[in-house]
């Protein structure tokens, strides 16, 4: 039955990776494969219980005679529900944080960005766009910040070729900005919620490699653009009613939303409560401020400008359902013993975390980054203590393996646009095909990726001892 479960999940991964060609929603595929996998597991649950949970099952029986119903009850209540709790915590966190961003978008809190980026000089506009994306993506998911920035670029530039190059720089900056913080990307969030890393150590270890992975491709992209950009005429804001917030009201919402997201890791460290509870707390504050600031609009039933907000809400639900489906797929692979077999094979035949992370990054450019990183994270458990073996030490808390799998999985997934949700958003927004991206952008990403992994190796080699004491 393990083989059947693996085949179902692998076929699902193939369909998820080929969404751009088949037009079959990968969230649907992930949910379906995760559900079918657990049904197959339940149909042959006795053999899996004997192999992995025999002592727990005997304790559950407590002298009662074995029956098939008791076996299913044990799986449902003692195995499946444990994973459901983890999946539910992750889904609630994503729902809360993405809802915060939707509130900010609905209130046009990012409207100042368009004015900031309106520069005819290519160097100024490109680097301002990249740095703005990089900063915002440290606490806003890749898809949302990519959609926002691409819409702003479309308003600013009328030349599609220029928009394509700057859009490519945007998705690189969004991915690199998200991969060095535990709340900036789904992949790093998964590593953090598994308690494989601590927030501060993770950020200190990956900040410089992430900057290198962003700067190098951006510098190369700049060389493909002219010195002056074809800017479109600015659109003037209509202020004939009071449906548009004042600038100070937007600043209040942006402050509490942005810095509230940054406070979530500290909330978890101080209270030891799950991160999703901190995210819900921040959402409550931002939502309350939204109601207070928009009280006049609500009372007079004036419409809000929520066109973009609604599209983001749809994308939010798609991403959450996709992540839930992936979690179900990975969890059933763990319980079926497939992940243990895979980790033993990697230990025997690869036995090098740098080689493995590079391999995972390359594969994630074809398959989905989230799916590959999630599988890589769950291949190994966190070692409770340092060991004499250098390779095994890579899997302790804040070990190099968790850093590299997040860095390489995220940056390597940009080698092709189909490897990340941000890349797919760029393809849809600017009608970019796979061949155009592969010819003009992939080499730049590859150079930046190699430089970032090299930077991580050098930083880790010289500063590891000094940072190993940072565990908060």
Protein backbone atom coordinates (compact mmCIF):
# COMPACT_ATOMS: atom_id res chain seq x y z
CA UNK A 1 0.00 0.00 0.00
CA UNK A 2 2.98 2.30 0.57
CA UNK A 3 3.80 2.05 -3.13
CA UNK A 4 0.23 2.96 -4.08
CA UNK A 5 0.32 6.03 -1.78
CA UNK A 6 3.68 7.14 -3.21
CA UNK A 7 2.38 6.76 -6.78
CA UNK A 8 -0.72 8.84 -6.02
CA UNK A 9 1.34 11.63 -4.43
CA UNK A 10 4.01 11.64 -7.16
CA UNK A 11 1.35 11.79 -9.89
CA UNK A 12 -0.18 14.66 -7.98
CA UNK A 13 3.17 16.46 -7.90
CA UNK A 14 3.47 16.05 -11.67
CA UNK A 15 0.00 17.52 -12.24
CA UNK A 16 0.75 20.39 -9.86
CA UNK A 17 3.96 21.16 -11.74
CA UNK A 18 2.17 21.11 -15.11
CA UNK A 19 -0.68 23.44 -14.09
CA UNK A 20 0.46 26.04 -16.61
CA UNK A 21 0.06 23.50 -19.43
CA UNK A 22 -2.94 21.44 -18.25
CA UNK A 23 -4.84 24.35 -16.62
CA UNK A 24 -5.89 22.00 -13.82
CA UNK A 25 -5.90 23.93 -10.52
CA UNK A 26 -3.02 22.63 -8.38
CA UNK A 27 -4.94 23.36 -5.17
CA UNK A 28 -7.59 20.92 -6.36
CA UNK A 29 -4.94 18.32 -7.22
CA UNK A 30 -3.21 18.69 -3.84
CA UNK A 31 -6.47 18.35 -1.89
CA UNK A 32 -7.56 15.34 -3.94
CA UNK A 33 -4.23 13.50 -3.65
CA UNK A 34 -3.98 14.19 0.09
CA UNK A 35 -7.49 12.86 0.65
CA UNK A 36 -6.98 9.76 -1.49
CA UNK A 37 -3.67 9.08 0.22
CA UNK A 38 -5.28 9.02 3.68
CA UNK A 39 -8.13 6.83 2.40
CA UNK A 40 -5.56 4.33 1.12
CA UNK A 41 -3.73 4.55 4.43
CA UNK A 42 -6.92 3.83 6.36
CA UNK A 43 -7.77 0.85 4.14
CA UNK A 44 -4.50 -0.82 5.12
CA UNK A 45 -4.00 0.81 8.49
CA UNK A 46 -3.27 -2.35 10.47
CA UNK A 47 0.07 -3.00 8.76
CA UNK A 48 1.16 0.61 9.23
CA UNK A 49 0.18 0.54 12.91
CA UNK A 50 2.21 -2.63 13.48
CA UNK A 51 5.23 -1.07 11.82
CA UNK A 52 5.23 2.39 13.41
CA UNK A 53 2.76 2.62 16.33
CA UNK A 54 2.59 -0.84 17.87
CA UNK A 55 3.28 0.17 21.49
CA UNK A 56 0.90 3.14 21.30
CA UNK A 57 -1.81 0.93 19.83
CA UNK A 58 -1.43 -1.70 22.54
CA UNK A 59 -1.76 1.03 25.14
CA UNK A 60 -4.87 2.29 23.33
CA UNK A 61 -6.41 -1.19 23.35
CA UNK A 62 -5.83 -1.47 27.12
CA UNK A 63 -6.63 -5.18 27.14
CA UNK A 64 -9.52 -5.01 24.69
CA UNK A 65 -9.71 -7.50 21.87
CA UNK A 66 -8.47 -6.17 18.53
CA UNK A 67 -11.15 -5.21 16.00
CA UNK A 68 -11.00 -3.39 12.70
CA UNK A 69 -13.16 -0.61 14.11
CA UNK A 70 -10.72 -0.01 16.97
CA UNK A 71 -7.88 0.12 14.46
CA UNK A 72 -9.66 2.80 12.43
CA UNK A 73 -10.57 4.70 15.57
CA UNK A 74 -6.92 4.75 16.63
CA UNK A 75 -5.83 6.06 13.22
CA UNK A 76 -8.54 8.73 13.16
CA UNK A 77 -8.11 10.00 16.71
CA UNK A 78 -4.44 9.38 17.52
CA UNK A 79 -2.65 9.68 14.17
CA UNK A 80 -4.71 11.75 11.74
CA UNK A 81 -5.95 14.33 14.25
CA UNK A 82 -2.38 15.09 15.32
CA UNK A 83 -1.53 16.09 11.78
CA UNK A 84 -4.82 17.96 11.40
CA UNK A 85 -3.82 20.14 14.36
CA UNK A 86 -0.54 21.06 12.67
CA UNK A 87 -2.22 21.70 9.32
CA UNK A 88 -4.97 23.76 10.96
CA UNK A 89 -2.43 25.94 12.77
CA UNK A 90 -0.61 26.65 9.50
CA UNK A 91 -3.86 27.37 7.64
CA UNK A 92 -5.09 29.74 10.36
CA UNK A 93 -1.77 31.58 10.31
CA UNK A 94 -1.90 32.03 6.54
CA UNK A 95 -5.55 33.10 6.67
CA UNK A 96 -4.84 35.70 9.36
CA UNK A 97 -1.69 37.18 7.81
CA UNK A 98 -3.10 37.31 4.29
CA UNK A 99 -6.32 38.88 5.60
CA UNK A 100 -4.22 41.63 7.20
CA UNK A 101 -2.69 42.39 3.81
CA UNK A 102 -6.12 42.40 2.15
CA UNK A 103 -7.34 45.01 4.68
CA UNK A 104 -4.31 47.17 3.90
CA UNK A 105 -4.85 46.79 0.16
CA UNK A 106 -8.55 47.67 0.41
CA UNK A 107 -7.60 50.90 2.16
CA UNK A 108 -4.96 51.74 -0.47
CA UNK A 109 -2.17 51.79 2.10
CA UNK A 110 0.37 51.05 -0.63
CA UNK A 111 -0.64 53.93 -2.89
CA UNK A 112 2.51 55.86 -1.98
CA UNK A 113 4.64 53.23 -3.72
CA UNK A 114 3.53 54.35 -7.19
CA UNK A 115 4.64 57.92 -6.49
CA UNK A 116 7.93 56.67 -5.05
CA UNK A 117 8.75 54.58 -8.12
CA UNK A 118 7.80 57.10 -10.80
CA UNK A 119 11.33 57.69 -12.09
CA UNK A 120 12.30 57.94 -15.74
CA UNK A 121 15.89 57.03 -14.95
CA UNK A 122 16.14 53.25 -15.30
CA UNK A 123 18.68 52.69 -12.55
CA UNK A 124 16.68 54.66 -10.02
CA UNK A 125 13.35 53.05 -10.80
CA UNK A 126 14.69 49.50 -11.04
CA UNK A 127 16.57 49.60 -7.74
CA UNK A 128 13.78 51.43 -5.92
CA UNK A 129 11.32 48.80 -7.18
CA UNK A 130 13.57 45.93 -6.14
CA UNK A 131 14.35 47.35 -2.69
CA UNK A 132 10.69 48.18 -2.01
CA UNK A 133 9.65 44.66 -2.99
CA UNK A 134 12.45 43.14 -0.91
CA UNK A 135 11.43 45.09 2.21
CA UNK A 136 7.70 44.40 1.93
CA UNK A 137 8.22 40.71 1.15
CA UNK A 138 9.94 40.16 4.50
CA UNK A 139 6.49 39.91 6.09
CA UNK A 140 4.08 39.74 3.13
CA UNK A 141 3.77 36.54 1.10
CA UNK A 142 5.40 36.37 -2.33
CA UNK A 143 2.19 36.17 -4.34
CA UNK A 144 0.54 39.20 -2.76
CA UNK A 145 3.53 41.53 -3.02
CA UNK A 146 4.20 40.34 -6.58
CA UNK A 147 0.63 41.09 -7.67
CA UNK A 148 0.78 44.52 -6.04
CA UNK A 149 4.11 45.49 -7.58
CA UNK A 150 3.20 44.20 -11.05
CA UNK A 151 0.01 46.26 -11.02
CA UNK A 152 2.00 49.35 -10.06
CA UNK A 153 4.55 48.70 -12.82
CA UNK A 154 1.74 48.31 -15.36
CA UNK A 155 0.43 51.75 -14.34
CA UNK A 156 3.90 53.30 -14.66
CA UNK A 157 5.29 51.77 -17.87
CA UNK A 158 3.68 51.46 -21.28
CA UNK A 159 6.53 49.45 -22.84
CA UNK A 160 5.83 45.74 -22.37
CA UNK A 161 9.45 44.66 -22.88
CA UNK A 162 10.58 46.96 -20.08
CA UNK A 163 7.73 45.74 -17.85
CA UNK A 164 8.80 42.14 -18.41
CA UNK A 165 12.38 42.74 -17.30
CA UNK A 166 11.40 44.81 -14.27
CA UNK A 167 8.69 42.25 -13.45
CA UNK A 168 11.34 39.53 -13.45
CA UNK A 169 13.40 41.62 -11.03
CA UNK A 170 10.27 41.97 -8.85
CA UNK A 171 9.68 38.23 -8.48
CA UNK A 172 13.37 37.70 -7.68
CA UNK A 173 13.27 40.40 -5.01
CA UNK A 174 9.97 39.08 -3.59
CA UNK A 175 11.36 35.56 -3.28
CA UNK A 176 14.71 36.63 -1.83
CA UNK A 177 13.07 39.01 0.63
CA UNK A 178 10.74 36.33 1.86
CA UNK A 179 13.25 33.51 2.23
CA UNK A 180 15.37 35.12 4.99
CA UNK A 181 12.56 35.72 7.52
CA UNK A 182 10.38 33.06 9.12
CA UNK A 183 7.19 34.98 8.25
CA UNK A 184 8.11 36.16 4.77
CA UNK A 185 7.47 32.98 2.80
CA UNK A 186 5.47 29.78 3.16
CA UNK A 187 8.61 27.65 2.87
CA UNK A 188 10.45 29.43 5.69
CA UNK A 189 7.24 29.47 7.73
CA UNK A 190 7.05 25.67 7.44
CA UNK A 191 10.66 25.34 8.63
CA UNK A 192 9.90 27.61 11.60
CA UNK A 193 6.60 26.00 12.63
CA UNK A 194 8.32 22.61 12.63
CA UNK A 195 10.67 24.14 15.25
CA UNK A 196 13.69 23.41 13.10
CA UNK A 197 14.97 26.99 13.41
CA UNK A 198 14.67 30.01 15.66
CA UNK A 199 13.60 33.31 14.13
CA UNK A 200 16.64 35.46 14.86
CA UNK A 201 19.26 32.85 14.00
CA UNK A 202 17.46 32.03 10.76
CA UNK A 203 17.37 35.67 9.66
CA UNK A 204 20.99 36.35 10.60
CA UNK A 205 22.16 33.29 8.69
CA UNK A 206 20.25 33.99 5.47
CA UNK A 207 20.11 37.78 5.23
CA UNK A 208 23.40 38.26 3.36
CA UNK A 209 22.89 35.28 0.98
CA UNK A 210 19.38 36.56 0.21
CA UNK A 211 20.71 40.03 -0.58
CA UNK A 212 23.33 38.54 -2.89
CA UNK A 213 20.72 36.39 -4.63
CA UNK A 214 18.72 39.57 -5.29
CA UNK A 215 21.50 42.02 -6.18
CA UNK A 216 23.38 39.90 -8.72
CA UNK A 217 20.42 39.14 -11.06
CA UNK A 218 19.11 42.70 -10.71
CA UNK A 219 22.48 44.09 -11.80
CA UNK A 220 22.44 41.80 -14.84
CA UNK A 221 18.83 42.70 -15.68
CA UNK A 222 19.72 46.40 -15.54
CA UNK A 223 22.11 45.87 -18.43
CA UNK A 224 19.22 44.70 -20.62
CA UNK A 225 17.26 47.93 -20.18
CA UNK A 226 17.74 51.37 -21.76
CA UNK A 227 18.89 54.34 -19.72
CA UNK A 228 15.49 56.02 -19.92
CA UNK A 229 12.12 54.30 -19.42
CA UNK A 230 8.87 54.92 -21.28
CA UNK A 231 6.73 56.20 -18.45
CA UNK A 232 2.99 56.51 -18.82
CA UNK A 233 1.20 59.68 -17.82
CA UNK A 234 0.29 59.84 -14.13
CA UNK A 235 -3.35 59.38 -13.17
CA UNK A 236 -4.64 62.01 -10.78
CA UNK A 237 -6.61 60.95 -7.72
CA UNK A 238 -10.26 61.95 -7.70
CA UNK A 239 -11.10 63.56 -4.37
CA UNK A 240 -14.73 64.51 -5.00
CA UNK A 241 -15.97 62.41 -2.07
CA UNK A 242 -14.68 61.17 1.27
CA UNK A 243 -14.29 57.53 0.26
CA UNK A 244 -10.50 57.91 0.03
CA UNK A 245 -8.61 57.79 3.32
CA UNK A 246 -6.29 60.56 4.39
CA UNK A 247 -2.57 59.82 4.26
CA UNK A 248 -2.24 59.70 8.06
CA UNK A 249 -5.03 57.14 8.29
CA UNK A 250 -3.25 54.93 5.78
CA UNK A 251 -0.02 55.32 7.77
CA UNK A 252 -1.74 54.15 10.95
CA UNK A 253 -3.11 51.02 9.27
CA UNK A 254 0.20 50.31 7.54
CA UNK A 255 2.15 50.74 10.78
CA UNK A 256 0.01 48.35 12.81
CA UNK A 257 -0.25 45.86 9.97
CA UNK A 258 3.43 45.85 8.97
CA UNK A 259 5.00 45.95 12.41
CA UNK A 260 2.28 43.69 13.81
CA UNK A 261 3.41 40.99 11.40
CA UNK A 262 7.01 41.52 12.52
CA UNK A 263 5.93 41.12 16.15
CA UNK A 264 4.54 37.60 15.62
CA UNK A 265 7.87 35.75 16.17
CA UNK A 266 8.42 37.74 19.38
CA UNK A 267 4.87 36.93 20.48
CA UNK A 268 5.59 33.23 20.02
CA UNK A 269 8.89 33.46 21.89
CA UNK A 270 7.41 35.38 24.83
CA UNK A 271 4.13 33.49 25.28
CA UNK A 272 5.05 30.09 23.74
CA UNK A 273 1.59 30.15 22.15
CA UNK A 274 1.23 29.08 18.49
CA UNK A 275 2.16 31.74 15.92
CA UNK A 276 -1.33 31.73 14.43
CA UNK A 277 -2.71 33.16 17.68
CA UNK A 278 -0.36 36.14 17.40
CA UNK A 279 -1.42 36.59 13.77
CA UNK A 280 -5.09 36.53 14.77
CA UNK A 281 -4.36 39.12 17.47
CA UNK A 282 -2.74 41.45 14.92
CA UNK A 283 -5.64 40.86 12.52
CA UNK A 284 -8.08 41.82 15.25
CA UNK A 285 -6.26 45.10 15.90
CA UNK A 286 -5.99 45.99 12.20
CA UNK A 287 -9.61 45.03 11.55
CA UNK A 288 -10.79 47.15 14.49
CA UNK A 289 -8.80 50.14 13.21
CA UNK A 290 -10.28 49.56 9.75
CA UNK A 291 -13.80 49.74 11.19
CA UNK A 292 -13.03 52.91 13.15
CA UNK A 293 -11.31 54.72 10.29
CA UNK A 294 -14.03 53.79 7.79
CA UNK A 295 -16.97 54.44 10.12
CA UNK A 296 -18.29 57.31 7.98
CA UNK A 297 -18.10 55.23 4.83
CA UNK A 298 -19.83 52.29 6.51
CA UNK A 299 -22.68 54.43 7.90
CA UNK A 300 -23.33 56.12 4.58
CA UNK A 301 -22.99 52.83 2.68
CA UNK A 302 -20.39 54.28 0.34
CA UNK A 303 -18.69 51.60 -1.77
CA UNK A 304 -15.07 50.72 -1.15
CA UNK A 305 -12.51 50.26 -3.89
CA UNK A 306 -12.14 46.51 -3.35
CA UNK A 307 -11.54 45.18 -6.86
CA UNK A 308 -7.95 44.20 -6.16
CA UNK A 309 -8.89 43.11 -2.65
CA UNK A 310 -11.40 40.62 -3.97
CA UNK A 311 -8.92 39.13 -6.41
CA UNK A 312 -6.41 38.80 -3.57
CA UNK A 313 -9.03 37.13 -1.39
CA UNK A 314 -9.55 34.54 -4.12
CA UNK A 315 -5.80 33.97 -4.44
CA UNK A 316 -5.52 33.70 -0.64
CA UNK A 317 -8.06 30.89 -0.51
CA UNK A 318 -6.32 29.12 -3.39
CA UNK A 319 -2.93 29.26 -1.67
CA UNK A 320 -4.33 28.11 1.69
CA UNK A 321 -6.17 25.15 0.17
CA UNK A 322 -3.04 24.27 -1.80
CA UNK A 323 -0.87 24.29 1.32
CA UNK A 324 -3.43 22.21 3.25
CA UNK A 325 -3.50 19.64 0.45
CA UNK A 326 0.30 19.48 0.33
CA UNK A 327 0.46 18.99 4.09
CA UNK A 328 -1.97 16.07 3.83
CA UNK A 329 0.18 14.53 1.08
CA UNK A 330 3.43 14.87 3.02
CA UNK A 331 1.87 13.66 6.28
CA UNK A 332 0.52 10.46 4.74
CA UNK A 333 3.94 9.83 3.16
CA UNK A 334 5.49 10.15 6.60
CA UNK A 335 3.04 7.72 8.19
CA UNK A 336 3.41 5.25 5.33
CA UNK A 337 7.18 5.16 5.90
CA UNK A 338 8.07 6.58 2.47
CA UNK A 339 9.85 9.63 3.88
CA UNK A 340 12.04 7.47 6.11
CA UNK A 341 13.04 5.33 3.13
CA UNK A 342 13.85 8.47 1.12
CA UNK A 343 15.96 9.98 3.92
CA UNK A 344 17.93 6.74 4.32
CA UNK A 345 18.59 6.70 0.57
CA UNK A 346 19.80 10.32 0.67
CA UNK A 347 22.07 9.55 3.63
CA UNK A 348 23.60 6.61 1.79
CA UNK A 349 23.99 8.04 -1.71
CA UNK A 350 24.25 11.83 -1.30
CA UNK A 351 25.41 12.48 2.26
CA UNK A 352 26.10 16.14 1.59
CA UNK A 353 23.68 18.90 2.52
CA UNK A 354 25.02 21.33 -0.09
CA UNK A 355 24.66 18.82 -2.91
CA UNK A 356 21.21 17.83 -1.70
CA UNK A 357 19.99 21.43 -1.38
CA UNK A 358 21.26 22.30 -4.86
CA UNK A 359 19.52 19.23 -6.26
CA UNK A 360 16.27 20.21 -4.51
CA UNK A 361 16.56 23.77 -5.80
CA UNK A 362 17.03 22.57 -9.37
CA UNK A 363 14.04 20.24 -9.15
CA UNK A 364 11.91 22.98 -7.58
CA UNK A 365 12.31 25.05 -10.75
CA UNK A 366 10.22 22.42 -12.54
CA UNK A 367 8.05 21.15 -9.71
CA UNK A 368 6.54 23.57 -7.22
CA UNK A 369 8.88 25.20 -4.69
CA UNK A 370 6.45 24.88 -1.78
CA UNK A 371 5.87 21.19 -2.50
CA UNK A 372 9.58 20.36 -2.76
CA UNK A 373 10.65 22.34 0.31
CA UNK A 374 7.83 20.87 2.37
CA UNK A 375 8.96 17.38 1.39
CA UNK A 376 12.60 18.23 2.10
CA UNK A 377 11.81 19.67 5.52
CA UNK A 378 9.95 16.52 6.57
CA UNK A 379 12.60 14.12 5.32
CA UNK A 380 14.50 14.51 8.60
CA UNK A 381 13.66 15.09 12.23
CA UNK A 382 15.41 17.74 14.27
CA UNK A 383 18.33 16.22 16.18
CA UNK A 384 17.91 17.05 19.89
CA UNK A 385 21.63 17.60 20.52
CA UNK A 386 24.98 18.10 18.83
CA UNK A 387 26.74 14.92 17.72
CA UNK A 388 30.31 14.08 16.80
CA UNK A 389 29.37 13.54 13.16
CA UNK A 390 29.51 16.80 11.17
CA UNK A 391 26.83 15.65 8.72
CA UNK A 392 24.38 14.77 11.49
CA UNK A 393 25.03 18.14 13.14
CA UNK A 394 23.43 19.76 10.10
CA UNK A 395 20.02 18.56 11.33
CA UNK A 396 20.09 20.07 14.82
CA UNK A 397 17.97 23.13 15.59
CA UNK A 398 19.30 26.03 13.50
CA UNK A 399 21.44 23.55 11.56
CA UNK A 400 22.73 24.31 8.09
CA UNK A 401 20.34 21.87 6.42
CA UNK A 402 17.24 23.89 7.34
CA UNK A 403 18.85 27.10 6.09
CA UNK A 404 20.02 25.64 2.80
CA UNK A 405 16.77 23.86 2.00
CA UNK A 406 14.91 27.14 2.42
CA UNK A 407 17.45 29.25 0.49
CA UNK A 408 18.03 26.86 -2.40
CA UNK A 409 14.41 25.81 -2.65
CA UNK A 410 13.22 29.41 -2.91
CA UNK A 411 15.94 30.87 -5.16
CA UNK A 412 16.38 27.72 -7.24
CA UNK A 413 12.64 27.70 -7.91
CA UNK A 414 13.11 30.94 -9.89
CA UNK A 415 15.24 29.24 -12.55
CA UNK A 416 11.94 28.74 -14.36
CA UNK A 417 8.78 30.79 -13.76
CA UNK A 418 6.62 27.68 -13.29
CA UNK A 419 8.52 26.83 -10.09
CA UNK A 420 6.92 29.53 -7.93
CA UNK A 421 3.57 31.26 -7.49
CA UNK A 422 5.31 34.60 -8.08
CA UNK A 423 6.68 33.38 -11.41
CA UNK A 424 3.26 32.17 -12.52
CA UNK A 425 1.79 35.55 -11.57
CA UNK A 426 4.38 37.26 -13.79
CA UNK A 427 3.58 34.93 -16.70
CA UNK A 428 -0.12 35.76 -16.43
CA UNK A 429 0.37 39.50 -15.94
CA UNK A 430 2.78 40.14 -18.84
CA UNK A 431 1.94 37.21 -21.13
CA UNK A 432 5.42 35.73 -20.74
CA UNK A 433 6.09 32.25 -22.07
CA UNK A 434 8.49 29.71 -20.64
CA UNK A 435 10.98 30.06 -23.51
CA UNK A 436 11.31 33.84 -23.17
CA UNK A 437 12.05 33.55 -19.45
CA UNK A 438 14.49 30.66 -19.92
CA UNK A 439 16.48 32.56 -22.57
CA UNK A 440 16.59 35.96 -20.87
CA UNK A 441 16.29 35.51 -17.10
CA UNK A 442 17.22 31.96 -16.05
CA UNK A 443 20.98 32.45 -16.44
CA UNK A 444 20.84 35.59 -14.28
CA UNK A 445 18.99 33.67 -11.56
CA UNK A 446 21.49 30.81 -11.77
CA UNK A 447 24.44 33.17 -11.27
CA UNK A 448 22.72 34.81 -8.30
CA UNK A 449 21.85 31.43 -6.79
CA UNK A 450 25.44 30.16 -7.04
CA UNK A 451 26.72 33.38 -5.49
CA UNK A 452 24.17 33.19 -2.65
CA UNK A 453 25.03 29.58 -1.74
CA UNK A 454 28.73 30.47 -1.85
CA UNK A 455 28.04 33.45 0.39
CA UNK A 456 26.16 31.25 2.85
CA UNK A 457 29.09 28.80 2.94
CA UNK A 458 31.59 31.57 3.67
CA UNK A 459 29.40 33.23 6.29
CA UNK A 460 28.65 29.91 7.94
CA UNK A 461 32.30 28.87 7.91
CA UNK A 462 33.59 32.05 9.58
CA UNK A 463 30.69 33.02 11.85
CA UNK A 464 28.94 29.80 12.80
CA UNK A 465 30.49 29.58 16.26
CA UNK A 466 29.52 33.13 17.11
CA UNK A 467 25.90 32.70 16.03
CA UNK A 468 25.34 29.25 17.49
CA UNK A 469 24.52 30.78 20.88
CA UNK A 470 21.62 32.80 19.44
CA UNK A 471 18.54 30.65 20.06
CA UNK A 472 15.60 33.01 20.19
